[in-house]
C-alpha atoms as a PDB file:
ATOM      1  CA  MET A   1     199.199  95.452  44.983  1.00  0.00           C
ATOM      2  CA  ILE A   2     197.262  98.689  44.610  1.00  0.00           C
ATOM      3  CA  THR A   3     193.471  98.721  44.482  1.00  0.00           C
ATOM      4  CA  ASN A   4     193.389  99.493  40.747  1.00  0.00           C
ATOM      5  CA  ASP A   5     195.438  96.377  39.982  1.00  0.00           C
ATOM      6  CA  GLU A   6     193.216  94.284  42.248  1.00  0.00           C
ATOM      7  CA  PHE A   7     190.130  95.688  40.540  1.00  0.00           C
ATOM      8  CA  ILE A   8     191.451  94.986  37.050  1.00  0.00           C
ATOM      9  CA  GLN A   9     192.175  91.385  38.046  1.00  0.00           C
ATOM     10  CA  LEU A  10     188.729  91.086  39.629  1.00  0.00           C
ATOM     11  CA  VAL A  11     187.089  92.275  36.397  1.00  0.00           C
ATOM     12  CA  LYS A  12     189.132  89.757  34.385  1.00  0.00           C
ATOM     13  CA  ASP A  13     188.129  86.927  36.735  1.00  0.00           C
ATOM     14  CA  SER A  14     184.440  87.826  36.946  1.00  0.00           C
ATOM     15  CA  PRO A  15     181.660  87.348  34.406  1.00  0.00           C
ATOM     16  CA  TYR A  16     180.639  91.017  34.780  1.00  0.00           C
ATOM     17  CA  THR A  17     181.443  93.945  32.543  1.00  0.00           C
ATOM     18  CA  ILE A  18     182.704  97.265  33.826  1.00  0.00           C
ATOM     19  CA  LYS A  19     179.286  98.721  33.058  1.00  0.00           C
ATOM     20  CA  GLU A  20     177.557  96.046  35.143  1.00  0.00           C
ATOM     21  CA  ILE A  21     179.969  96.596  38.011  1.00  0.00           C
ATOM     22  CA  ALA A  22     179.362 100.345  37.871  1.00  0.00           C
ATOM     23  CA  GLU A  23     175.622  99.680  38.162  1.00  0.00           C
ATOM     24  CA  MET A  24     176.177  97.261  41.074  1.00  0.00           C
ATOM     25  CA  ILE A  25     177.924  99.897  43.160  1.00  0.00           C
ATOM     26  CA  GLU A  26     175.888 102.806  41.810  1.00  0.00           C
ATOM     27  CA  THR A  27     178.928 104.640  40.498  1.00  0.00           C
ATOM     28  CA  PRO A  28     179.177 106.419  37.136  1.00  0.00           C
ATOM     29  CA  TYR A  29     180.535 104.192  34.382  1.00  0.00           C
ATOM     30  CA  ALA A  30     183.213 106.771  33.475  1.00  0.00           C
ATOM     31  CA  THR A  31     184.552 106.706  37.038  1.00  0.00           C
ATOM     32  CA  VAL A  32     184.784 102.927  37.100  1.00  0.00           C
ATOM     33  CA  LYS A  33     186.368 102.886  33.639  1.00  0.00           C
ATOM     34  CA  ASN A  34     188.993 105.394  34.817  1.00  0.00           C
ATOM     35  CA  TRP A  35     190.036 102.904  37.518  1.00  0.00           C
ATOM     36  CA  THR A  36     191.128 100.532  34.734  1.00  0.00           C
ATOM     37  CA  ARG A  37     193.244 103.017  32.803  1.00  0.00           C
ATOM     38  CA  GLY A  38     197.036 103.056  32.865  1.00  0.00           C
ATOM     39  CA  LYS A  39     198.831 105.428  35.194  1.00  0.00           C
ATOM     40  CA  ASP A  40     200.092 107.399  32.213  1.00  0.00           C
ATOM     41  CA  SER A  41     196.532 108.237  31.116  1.00  0.00           C
ATOM     42  CA  THR A  42     195.178 111.678  31.963  1.00  0.00           C
ATOM     43  CA  SER A  43     191.901 109.948  32.919  1.00  0.00           C
ATOM     44  CA  TYR A  44     193.568 107.553  35.400  1.00  0.00           C
ATOM     45  CA  ARG A  45     192.089 107.692  38.883  1.00  0.00           C
ATOM     46  CA  VAL A  46     193.059 105.759  41.994  1.00  0.00           C
ATOM     47  CA  MET A  47     190.282 103.430  43.093  1.00  0.00           C
ATOM     48  CA  PRO A  48     189.326 104.013  46.729  1.00  0.00           C
ATOM     49  CA  LYS A  49     189.656 100.907  48.898  1.00  0.00           C
ATOM     50  CA  HIS A  50     186.000 101.182  49.962  1.00  0.00           C
ATOM     51  CA  ALA A  51     184.930 100.972  46.314  1.00  0.00           C
ATOM     52  CA  LEU A  52     186.929  97.786  45.808  1.00  0.00           C
ATOM     53  CA  ILE A  53     185.315  96.312  48.908  1.00  0.00           C
ATOM     54  CA  ALA A  54     181.874  97.308  47.610  1.00  0.00           C
ATOM     55  CA  VAL A  55     182.549  95.541  44.300  1.00  0.00           C
ATOM     56  CA  MET A  56     183.799  92.402  46.022  1.00  0.00           C
ATOM     57  CA  LEU A  57     180.813  92.257  48.359  1.00  0.00           C
ATOM     58  CA  SER A  58     178.348  92.952  45.546  1.00  0.00           C
ATOM     59  CA  ILE A  59     179.731  90.111  43.445  1.00  0.00           C
ATOM     60  CA  LYS A  60     179.651  87.718  46.417  1.00  0.00           C
ATOM     61  CA  GLU A  61     176.066  88.684  47.204  1.00  0.00           C
ATOM     62  CA  ILE A  62     174.936  88.172  43.611  1.00  0.00           C
ATOM     63  CA  GLU A  63     176.640  84.778  43.533  1.00  0.00           C
ATOM     64  CA  ARG A  64     174.976  83.834  46.832  1.00  0.00           C
ATOM     65  CA  ILE A  65     171.537  84.775  45.526  1.00  0.00           C
ATOM     66  CA  VAL A  66     172.028  82.907  42.248  1.00  0.00           C
ATOM     67  CA  GLU A  67     173.071  79.672  43.962  1.00  0.00           C
END
């Protein structure tokens, strides 16, 4: 599975919007949105693995704090 597919699934499974995730990892909303576009889109961008890791860790940290 490529990082974009993993990210899309993560967004579906999480309570956070793409905008909230962009804010979590301090990345422009447009960049994060482009990671969710289809490969045939001219705006499609491959999500770097380190960005996916940052999202995963940010969500885990927020969940840890909330508990």
